[in-house]
PDB file of N, CA and C in Angstrom:
ATOM      1  N   MET A   1       0.730  -1.073   0.052  1.00  0.00           N
ATOM      2  CA  MET A   1      -0.165  -0.214   0.040  1.00  0.00           C
ATOM      3  C   MET A   1       0.915   1.315  -0.106  1.00  0.00           C
ATOM      4  N   GLY A   2       1.878   1.454   0.496  1.00  0.00           N
ATOM      5  CA  GLY A   2       2.998   2.492   0.259  1.00  0.00           C
ATOM      6  C   GLY A   2       2.962   3.305  -1.116  1.00  0.00           C
ATOM      7  N   LEU A   3       2.868   2.502  -2.295  1.00  0.00           N
ATOM      8  CA  LEU A   3       3.055   3.315  -3.305  1.00  0.00           C
ATOM      9  C   LEU A   3       1.689   4.082  -3.546  1.00  0.00           C
ATOM     10  N   LEU A   4       0.599   3.173  -3.219  1.00  0.00           N
ATOM     11  CA  LEU A   4      -0.978   4.058  -3.378  1.00  0.00           C
ATOM     12  C   LEU A   4      -0.879   5.066  -2.571  1.00  0.00           C
ATOM     13  N   ASP A   5      -0.251   5.033  -1.122  1.00  0.00           N
ATOM     14  CA  ASP A   5      -0.412   6.270  -0.097  1.00  0.00           C
ATOM     15  C   ASP A   5       0.505   7.322  -0.846  1.00  0.00           C
ATOM     16  N   GLU A   6       1.286   7.082  -1.465  1.00  0.00           N
ATOM     17  CA  GLU A   6       2.096   8.404  -2.140  1.00  0.00           C
ATOM     18  C   GLU A   6       1.158   8.430  -3.163  1.00  0.00           C
ATOM     19  N   VAL A   7       0.716   8.295  -4.058  1.00  0.00           N
ATOM     20  CA  VAL A   7      -0.171   8.656  -5.314  1.00  0.00           C
ATOM     21  C   VAL A   7      -1.476   9.465  -4.573  1.00  0.00           C
ATOM     22  N   GLY A   8      -1.691   9.051  -3.604  1.00  0.00           N
ATOM     23  CA  GLY A   8      -2.315   9.757  -3.075  1.00  0.00           C
ATOM     24  C   GLY A   8      -2.267  11.163  -2.351  1.00  0.00           C
ATOM     25  N   LYS A   9      -0.906  11.307  -1.797  1.00  0.00           N
ATOM     26  CA  LYS A   9      -0.344  12.345  -1.442  1.00  0.00           C
ATOM     27  C   LYS A   9      -0.052  13.272  -2.484  1.00  0.00           C
ATOM     28  N   ILE A  10       0.430  12.972  -3.659  1.00  0.00           N
ATOM     29  CA  ILE A  10       0.702  13.835  -4.809  1.00  0.00           C
ATOM     30  C   ILE A  10      -0.596  13.970  -5.349  1.00  0.00           C
ATOM     31  N   ALA A  11      -1.762  13.204  -5.473  1.00  0.00           N
ATOM     32  CA  ALA A  11      -2.737  13.855  -5.890  1.00  0.00           C
ATOM     33  C   ALA A  11      -3.464  14.914  -4.928  1.00  0.00           C
ATOM     34  N   GLY A  12      -2.996  15.084  -3.710  1.00  0.00           N
ATOM     35  CA  GLY A  12      -3.757  16.237  -3.012  1.00  0.00           C
ATOM     36  C   GLY A  12      -2.814  17.295  -2.896  1.00  0.00           C
ATOM     37  N   ALA A  13      -1.314  17.135  -3.595  1.00  0.00           N
ATOM     38  CA  ALA A  13      -0.541  18.232  -3.655  1.00  0.00           C
ATOM     39  C   ALA A  13      -1.024  19.248  -4.908  1.00  0.00           C
ATOM     40  N   VAL A  14      -1.166  18.236  -6.052  1.00  0.00           N
ATOM     41  CA  VAL A  14      -1.690  18.556  -7.487  1.00  0.00           C
ATOM     42  C   VAL A  14      -3.516  19.399  -7.292  1.00  0.00           C
ATOM     43  N   ALA A  15      -4.167  18.706  -6.531  1.00  0.00           N
ATOM     44  CA  ALA A  15      -5.251  19.528  -6.301  1.00  0.00           C
ATOM     45  C   ALA A  15      -5.097  20.576  -5.510  1.00  0.00           C
ATOM     46  N   ALA A  16      -4.227  20.635  -4.380  1.00  0.00           N
ATOM     47  CA  ALA A  16      -4.136  22.019  -4.168  1.00  0.00           C
ATOM     48  C   ALA A  16      -3.694  23.111  -4.562  1.00  0.00           C
ATOM     49  N   VAL A  17      -2.590  22.624  -5.307  1.00  0.00           N
ATOM     50  CA  VAL A  17      -2.011  23.599  -6.800  1.00  0.00           C
ATOM     51  C   VAL A  17      -2.750  24.297  -7.213  1.00  0.00           C
ATOM     52  N   GLU A  18      -3.789  23.005  -8.222  1.00  0.00           N
ATOM     53  CA  GLU A  18      -4.880  23.734  -8.963  1.00  0.00           C
ATOM     54  C   GLU A  18      -5.886  24.830  -8.132  1.00  0.00           C
ATOM     55  N   THR A  19      -6.110  24.094  -7.121  1.00  0.00           N
ATOM     56  CA  THR A  19      -6.918  25.297  -6.449  1.00  0.00           C
ATOM     57  C   THR A  19      -6.343  26.619  -6.237  1.00  0.00           C
ATOM     58  N   ALA A  20      -5.172  26.616  -5.929  1.00  0.00           N
ATOM     59  CA  ALA A  20      -4.343  28.030  -5.562  1.00  0.00           C
ATOM     60  C   ALA A  20      -4.660  28.734  -6.772  1.00  0.00           C
ATOM     61  N   GLU A  21      -4.452  28.092  -7.922  1.00  0.00           N
ATOM     62  CA  GLU A  21      -4.051  29.006  -9.455  1.00  0.00           C
ATOM     63  C   GLU A  21      -5.794  29.349  -9.704  1.00  0.00           C
ATOM     64  N   LYS A  22      -6.524  28.644  -9.147  1.00  0.00           N
ATOM     65  CA  LYS A  22      -8.147  28.777  -9.594  1.00  0.00           C
ATOM     66  C   LYS A  22      -8.258  30.334  -8.734  1.00  0.00           C
ATOM     67  N   VAL A  23      -8.036  30.518  -7.569  1.00  0.00           N
ATOM     68  CA  VAL A  23      -8.226  31.122  -6.613  1.00  0.00           C
ATOM     69  C   VAL A  23      -7.539  32.511  -6.739  1.00  0.00           C
ATOM     70  N   ASP A  24      -6.155  32.504  -7.366  1.00  0.00           N
ATOM     71  CA  ASP A  24      -5.276  33.661  -7.569  1.00  0.00           C
ATOM     72  C   ASP A  24      -4.694  33.136  -9.031  1.00  0.00           C
ATOM     73  N   PRO A  25      -5.063  33.645  -9.963  1.00  0.00           N
ATOM     74  CA  PRO A  25      -4.584  32.976 -11.420  1.00  0.00           C
ATOM     75  C   PRO A  25      -3.322  33.789 -11.573  1.00  0.00           C
ATOM     76  N   GLU A  26      -2.761  34.680 -10.756  1.00  0.00           N
ATOM     77  CA  GLU A  26      -1.406  35.817 -10.714  1.00  0.00           C
ATOM     78  C   GLU A  26      -0.495  34.532  -9.461  1.00  0.00           C
ATOM     79  N   ALA A  27      -1.225  33.619  -8.921  1.00  0.00           N
ATOM     80  CA  ALA A  27      -0.281  32.956  -7.734  1.00  0.00           C
ATOM     81  C   ALA A  27       1.330  32.769  -8.477  1.00  0.00           C
ATOM     82  N   GLY A  28       1.918  33.028  -7.354  1.00  0.00           N
ATOM     83  CA  GLY A  28       3.586  32.737  -7.575  1.00  0.00           C
ATOM     84  C   GLY A  28       4.137  31.452  -7.390  1.00  0.00           C
ATOM     85  N   LEU A  29       5.503  31.114  -7.589  1.00  0.00           N
ATOM     86  CA  LEU A  29       5.992  29.877  -7.124  1.00  0.00           C
ATOM     87  C   LEU A  29       5.984  29.574  -5.782  1.00  0.00           C
ATOM     88  N   LEU A  30       5.927  30.586  -4.978  1.00  0.00           N
ATOM     89  CA  LEU A  30       6.237  30.299  -3.618  1.00  0.00           C
ATOM     90  C   LEU A  30       4.673  29.700  -3.067  1.00  0.00           C
ATOM     91  N   THR A  31       3.625  30.483  -3.398  1.00  0.00           N
ATOM     92  CA  THR A  31       2.207  30.249  -3.224  1.00  0.00           C
ATOM     93  C   THR A  31       1.865  28.794  -3.667  1.00  0.00           C
ATOM     94  N   LYS A  32       2.206  28.690  -5.078  1.00  0.00           N
ATOM     95  CA  LYS A  32       2.053  27.239  -5.488  1.00  0.00           C
ATOM     96  C   LYS A  32       2.944  26.147  -4.616  1.00  0.00           C
ATOM     97  N   GLY A  33       4.180  26.434  -4.231  1.00  0.00           N
ATOM     98  CA  GLY A  33       5.010  25.545  -3.628  1.00  0.00           C
ATOM     99  C   GLY A  33       4.259  25.090  -2.172  1.00  0.00           C
ATOM    100  N   VAL A  34       3.698  26.226  -1.472  1.00  0.00           N
ATOM    101  CA  VAL A  34       2.914  26.223  -0.298  1.00  0.00           C
ATOM    102  C   VAL A  34       2.116  25.215  -0.450  1.00  0.00           C
ATOM    103  N   ALA A  35       0.901  25.470  -1.313  1.00  0.00           N
ATOM    104  CA  ALA A  35      -0.278  24.595  -1.597  1.00  0.00           C
ATOM    105  C   ALA A  35       0.021  23.368  -2.092  1.00  0.00           C
ATOM    106  N   ALA A  36       1.367  22.982  -2.838  1.00  0.00           N
ATOM    107  CA  ALA A  36       1.894  21.743  -3.232  1.00  0.00           C
ATOM    108  C   ALA A  36       1.722  21.126  -1.683  1.00  0.00           C
ATOM    109  N   ILE A  37       2.705  21.684  -0.822  1.00  0.00           N
ATOM    110  CA  ILE A  37       2.904  20.775   0.762  1.00  0.00           C
ATOM    111  C   ILE A  37       2.131  20.513   1.294  1.00  0.00           C
ATOM    112  N   ALA A  38       1.029  21.684   1.455  1.00  0.00           N
ATOM    113  CA  ALA A  38      -0.101  21.757   2.315  1.00  0.00           C
ATOM    114  C   ALA A  38      -0.864  20.274   1.914  1.00  0.00           C
ATOM    115  N   GLY A  39      -1.153  20.535   0.571  1.00  0.00           N
ATOM    116  CA  GLY A  39      -1.997  19.235  -0.050  1.00  0.00           C
ATOM    117  C   GLY A  39      -1.334  18.108   0.148  1.00  0.00           C
ATOM    118  N   PHE A  40       0.072  17.832   0.077  1.00  0.00           N
ATOM    119  CA  PHE A  40       0.390  16.373   0.367  1.00  0.00           C
ATOM    120  C   PHE A  40       0.226  16.107   1.783  1.00  0.00           C
ATOM    121  N   GLU A  41       0.747  16.955   2.805  1.00  0.00           N
ATOM    122  CA  GLU A  41       0.889  16.462   3.992  1.00  0.00           C
ATOM    123  C   GLU A  41      -0.406  16.567   4.228  1.00  0.00           C
ATOM    124  N   GLY A  42      -1.517  17.030   3.673  1.00  0.00           N
ATOM    125  CA  GLY A  42      -2.940  17.257   4.380  1.00  0.00           C
ATOM    126  C   GLY A  42      -3.571  15.688   3.706  1.00  0.00           C
ATOM    127  N   ALA A  43      -3.359  15.479   2.481  1.00  0.00           N
ATOM    128  CA  ALA A  43      -3.885  14.030   2.147  1.00  0.00           C
ATOM    129  C   ALA A  43      -3.279  12.871   3.021  1.00  0.00           C
ATOM    130  N   GLY A  44      -2.155  13.133   3.550  1.00  0.00           N
ATOM    131  CA  GLY A  44      -1.459  12.168   4.190  1.00  0.00           C
ATOM    132  C   GLY A  44      -2.057  11.934   5.373  1.00  0.00           C
ATOM    133  N   LYS A  45      -2.296  13.210   6.059  1.00  0.00           N
ATOM    134  CA  LYS A  45      -3.276  13.153   7.437  1.00  0.00           C
ATOM    135  C   LYS A  45      -4.501  12.544   7.366  1.00  0.00           C
ATOM    136  N   LEU A  46      -5.104  12.744   6.107  1.00  0.00           N
ATOM    137  CA  LEU A  46      -6.340  12.415   6.007  1.00  0.00           C
ATOM    138  C   LEU A  46      -6.338  10.463   5.619  1.00  0.00           C
ATOM    139  N   GLU A  47      -5.462  10.027   5.169  1.00  0.00           N
ATOM    140  CA  GLU A  47      -5.363   8.971   4.493  1.00  0.00           C
ATOM    141  C   GLU A  47      -5.129   8.148   5.876  1.00  0.00           C
ATOM    142  N   SER A  48      -4.298   8.720   6.799  1.00  0.00           N
ATOM    143  CA  SER A  48      -3.956   7.993   8.132  1.00  0.00           C
ATOM    144  C   SER A  48      -5.204   7.842   9.009  1.00  0.00           C
ATOM    145  N   LEU A  49      -6.194   9.142   8.832  1.00  0.00           N
ATOM    146  CA  LEU A  49      -7.164   9.029   9.630  1.00  0.00           C
ATOM    147  C   LEU A  49      -8.742   7.993   9.292  1.00  0.00           C
ATOM    148  N   VAL A  50      -8.476   8.031   8.132  1.00  0.00           N
ATOM    149  CA  VAL A  50      -9.228   7.058   7.659  1.00  0.00           C
ATOM    150  C   VAL A  50      -8.786   5.452   7.813  1.00  0.00           C
ATOM    151  N   GLU A  51      -7.619   5.405   7.733  1.00  0.00           N
ATOM    152  CA  GLU A  51      -6.900   4.005   7.906  1.00  0.00           C
ATOM    153  C   GLU A  51      -7.345   3.703   9.481  1.00  0.00           C
ATOM    154  N   LYS A  52      -7.054   4.636  10.309  1.00  0.00           N
ATOM    155  CA  LYS A  52      -7.256   4.400  11.983  1.00  0.00           C
ATOM    156  C   LYS A  52      -8.614   3.990  12.112  1.00  0.00           C
ATOM    157  N   LYS A  53      -9.859   4.783  11.064  1.00  0.00           N
ATOM    158  CA  LYS A  53     -11.078   4.533  11.360  1.00  0.00           C
ATOM    159  C   LYS A  53     -11.348   3.028  11.089  1.00  0.00           C
ATOM    160  N   GLU A  54     -10.692   2.548   9.809  1.00  0.00           N
ATOM    161  CA  GLU A  54     -10.923   1.177   9.158  1.00  0.00           C
ATOM    162  C   GLU A  54     -10.805   0.333  10.392  1.00  0.00           C
ATOM    163  N   GLU A  55      -9.451   0.585  11.064  1.00  0.00           N
ATOM    164  CA  GLU A  55      -8.957  -0.588  11.888  1.00  0.00           C
ATOM    165  C   GLU A  55      -9.701  -0.590  13.298  1.00  0.00           C
ATOM    166  N   ASP A  56     -10.339   0.762  13.731  1.00  0.00           N
ATOM    167  CA  ASP A  56     -11.049   0.955  14.789  1.00  0.00           C
ATOM    168  C   ASP A  56     -12.441   0.186  14.551  1.00  0.00           C
ATOM    169  N   LYS A  57     -12.985   0.044  13.260  1.00  0.00           N
ATOM    170  CA  LYS A  57     -14.349  -0.595  13.051  1.00  0.00           C
ATOM    171  C   LYS A  57     -13.817  -2.559  12.881  1.00  0.00           C
ATOM    172  N   GLN A  58     -12.732  -2.393  12.396  1.00  0.00           N
ATOM    173  CA  GLN A  58     -12.374  -3.872  12.428  1.00  0.00           C
ATOM    174  C   GLN A  58     -12.045  -4.501  13.773  1.00  0.00           C
ATOM    175  N   ASP A  59     -11.444  -3.708  14.711  1.00  0.00           N
ATOM    176  CA  ASP A  59     -11.350  -3.796  16.140  1.00  0.00           C
ATOM    177  C   ASP A  59     -12.643  -4.132  16.790  1.00  0.00           C
ATOM    178  N   ASP A  60     -13.472  -3.171  16.342  1.00  0.00           N
ATOM    179  CA  ASP A  60     -14.598  -3.295  17.234  1.00  0.00           C
ATOM    180  C   ASP A  60     -15.654  -4.972  16.728  1.00  0.00           C
ATOM    181  N   ALA A  61     -15.581  -4.823  15.337  1.00  0.00           N
ATOM    182  CA  ALA A  61     -16.307  -5.885  14.836  1.00  0.00           C
ATOM    183  C   ALA A  61     -15.606  -7.394  15.544  1.00  0.00           C
ATOM    184  N   ASP A  62     -14.409  -7.487  15.627  1.00  0.00           N
ATOM    185  CA  ASP A  62     -13.732  -8.591  16.312  1.00  0.00           C
ATOM    186  C   ASP A  62     -13.680  -8.915  17.702  1.00  0.00           C
ATOM    187  N   ASN A  63     -14.119  -7.723  18.511  1.00  0.00           N
ATOM    188  CA  ASN A  63     -14.564  -7.647  19.878  1.00  0.00           C
ATOM    189  C   ASN A  63     -15.902  -8.195  19.926  1.00  0.00           C
ATOM    190  N   ALA A  64     -16.739  -7.504  18.842  1.00  0.00           N
ATOM    191  CA  ALA A  64     -18.420  -7.953  19.216  1.00  0.00           C
ATOM    192  C   ALA A  64     -18.453  -9.788  18.919  1.00  0.00           C
ATOM    193  N   GLN A  65     -17.410 -10.258  17.795  1.00  0.00           N
ATOM    194  CA  GLN A  65     -17.581 -11.306  17.674  1.00  0.00           C
ATOM    195  C   GLN A  65     -17.239 -12.382  18.785  1.00  0.00           C
ATOM    196  N   ALA A  66     -16.064 -11.835  19.369  1.00  0.00           N
ATOM    197  CA  ALA A  66     -15.440 -12.545  20.384  1.00  0.00           C
ATOM    198  C   ALA A  66     -16.360 -12.648  21.483  1.00  0.00           C
ATOM    199  N   ALA A  67     -17.138 -11.811  21.616  1.00  0.00           N
ATOM    200  CA  ALA A  67     -18.238 -11.470  22.852  1.00  0.00           C
ATOM    201  C   ALA A  67     -19.294 -12.415  22.620  1.00  0.00           C
ATOM    202  N   ASP A  68     -19.912 -12.406  20.987  1.00  0.00           N
ATOM    203  CA  ASP A  68     -20.871 -13.524  20.863  1.00  0.00           C
ATOM    204  C   ASP A  68     -20.244 -15.060  20.905  1.00  0.00           C
ATOM    205  N   ASP A  69     -19.066 -15.334  20.580  1.00  0.00           N
ATOM    206  CA  ASP A  69     -18.661 -16.503  20.631  1.00  0.00           C
ATOM    207  C   ASP A  69     -18.300 -16.881  22.439  1.00  0.00           C
ATOM    208  N   THR A  70     -18.425 -15.861  23.372  1.00  0.00           N
ATOM    209  CA  THR A  70     -18.256 -16.465  24.483  1.00  0.00           C
ATOM    210  C   THR A  70     -19.576 -16.627  24.958  1.00  0.00           C
ATOM    211  N   SER A  71     -20.724 -15.706  24.635  1.00  0.00           N
ATOM    212  CA  SER A  71     -22.000 -15.885  25.313  1.00  0.00           C
ATOM    213  C   SER A  71     -22.510 -17.270  24.867  1.00  0.00           C
ATOM    214  N   SER A  72     -21.968 -17.805  23.485  1.00  0.00           N
ATOM    215  CA  SER A  72     -23.106 -18.914  22.891  1.00  0.00           C
ATOM    216  C   SER A  72     -22.342 -20.149  23.419  1.00  0.00           C
ATOM    217  N   GLN A  73     -21.078 -19.957  24.106  1.00  0.00           N
ATOM    218  CA  GLN A  73     -20.700 -21.040  24.677  1.00  0.00           C
ATOM    219  C   GLN A  73     -21.240 -21.435  25.749  1.00  0.00           C
ATOM    220  N   THR A  74     -21.735 -20.603  27.072  1.00  0.00           N
ATOM    221  CA  THR A  74     -21.966 -20.761  27.977  1.00  0.00           C
ATOM    222  C   THR A  74     -23.543 -21.336  27.839  1.00  0.00           C
TER     223      THR A  74
END
């Protein structure tokens, strides 16, 4: 999944630069660079948040199944 993570971050950077250009058509290189970094980092944080939520859901499902298995054995 490492390659897909990086592709997602790059897509976030590109989207941020495109947005900066739409907001300010005269945006300079520094503005575009800052937007790219912010988009890259933001996409990475968003991706890790989604992964954490998925792990939490899986843990909850595993705990519920374990509880069901324990209650059915008694």
